[in-house]
Amino acid sequence: MEIVRTLLYYVLMAFNLVLLARVLLSWFPNIDRSSRWVQLVFEITEPVLRPIRNLLPQTGMMDFSPLIVFLILSVLMQFVR
């Protein structure tokens, strides 16, 4: 059972890093969005961010969905640890 918990922890940590990459990419609007690596980051994170983004009220140009996902990931990682 310990190996499953450890594996789940590392999967959550990897997703956390991909989500961080997504947030950092949003700070650079001149990044080529057609790049294979950029598209991969968006394809991995969008299925998680979209439902949360739809639940949150519109806040202008600020997207708080990554913050919510970071918080959820943090709680899950503490629970798994």
Protein backbone atom coordinates (compact mmCIF):
# COMPACT_ATOMS: atom_id res chain seq x y z
CA MET A 1 0.00 0.00 0.00
CA GLU A 2 2.91 2.32 0.72
CA ILE A 3 4.13 2.07 -2.87
CA VAL A 4 0.73 3.19 -4.17
CA ARG A 5 0.74 6.21 -1.86
CA THR A 6 4.27 7.12 -2.89
CA LEU A 7 3.43 6.76 -6.57
CA LEU A 8 0.29 8.89 -6.17
CA TYR A 9 2.32 11.52 -4.33
CA TYR A 10 4.83 11.73 -7.19
CA VAL A 11 2.06 11.89 -9.80
CA LEU A 12 0.51 14.81 -7.91
CA MET A 13 3.92 16.48 -7.64
CA ALA A 14 4.51 16.07 -11.38
CA PHE A 15 1.12 17.61 -12.14
CA ASN A 16 1.96 20.42 -9.74
CA LEU A 17 5.11 21.16 -11.75
CA VAL A 18 3.26 21.05 -15.08
CA LEU A 19 0.67 23.44 -13.66
CA LEU A 20 3.46 25.76 -12.53
CA ALA A 21 4.85 25.66 -16.07
CA ARG A 22 1.39 26.60 -17.36
CA VAL A 23 1.21 29.59 -15.02
CA LEU A 24 4.70 30.74 -16.00
CA LEU A 25 3.86 30.39 -19.70
CA SER A 26 0.90 32.71 -19.22
CA TRP A 27 3.27 35.46 -18.12
CA PHE A 28 4.99 35.46 -21.51
CA PRO A 29 2.41 36.26 -24.21
CA ASN A 30 5.01 36.09 -27.00
CA ILE A 31 5.68 32.39 -26.44
CA ASP A 32 4.89 30.30 -29.51
CA ARG A 33 1.66 28.51 -28.52
CA SER A 34 2.01 26.12 -31.44
CA SER A 35 5.15 24.60 -29.90
CA ARG A 36 4.73 20.92 -29.15
CA TRP A 37 5.86 21.36 -25.52
CA VAL A 38 3.54 24.30 -24.87
CA GLN A 39 0.61 22.41 -26.36
CA LEU A 40 1.46 19.39 -24.18
CA VAL A 41 1.38 21.55 -21.04
CA PHE A 42 -1.99 22.99 -22.04
CA GLU A 43 -3.43 19.56 -22.93
CA ILE A 44 -2.40 18.15 -19.55
CA THR A 45 -3.68 21.02 -17.43
CA GLU A 46 -6.78 22.24 -19.27
CA PRO A 47 -9.04 19.27 -18.35
CA VAL A 48 -8.46 20.09 -14.67
CA LEU A 49 -8.57 23.87 -14.95
CA ARG A 50 -11.64 24.20 -17.19
CA PRO A 51 -14.26 22.83 -14.75
CA ILE A 52 -12.92 24.98 -11.93
CA ARG A 53 -12.76 28.02 -14.20
CA ASN A 54 -16.42 27.44 -15.11
CA LEU A 55 -17.40 27.35 -11.41
CA LEU A 56 -15.62 30.60 -10.51
CA PRO A 57 -17.16 34.00 -11.23
CA GLN A 58 -15.58 36.11 -13.97
CA THR A 59 -12.82 38.28 -12.50
CA GLY A 60 -11.71 40.21 -15.54
CA MET A 61 -8.24 39.29 -16.73
CA MET A 62 -7.33 37.28 -13.61
CA ASP A 63 -7.76 33.51 -13.71
CA PHE A 64 -7.84 32.08 -10.20
CA SER A 65 -8.39 28.47 -11.28
CA PRO A 66 -4.67 27.56 -11.05
CA LEU A 67 -4.60 28.89 -7.50
CA ILE A 68 -7.56 26.69 -6.56
CA VAL A 69 -5.93 23.66 -8.19
CA PHE A 70 -2.65 24.37 -6.36
CA LEU A 71 -4.58 24.43 -3.08
CA ILE A 72 -6.40 21.19 -3.88
CA LEU A 73 -3.14 19.53 -4.90
CA SER A 74 -1.50 20.69 -1.69
CA VAL A 75 -4.29 19.19 0.43
CA LEU A 76 -4.21 15.94 -1.54
CA MET A 77 -0.44 15.68 -1.25
CA GLN A 78 -0.60 16.23 2.52
CA PHE A 79 -3.33 13.62 2.79
CA VAL A 80 -1.37 11.06 0.74
CA ARG A 81 1.86 11.71 2.64
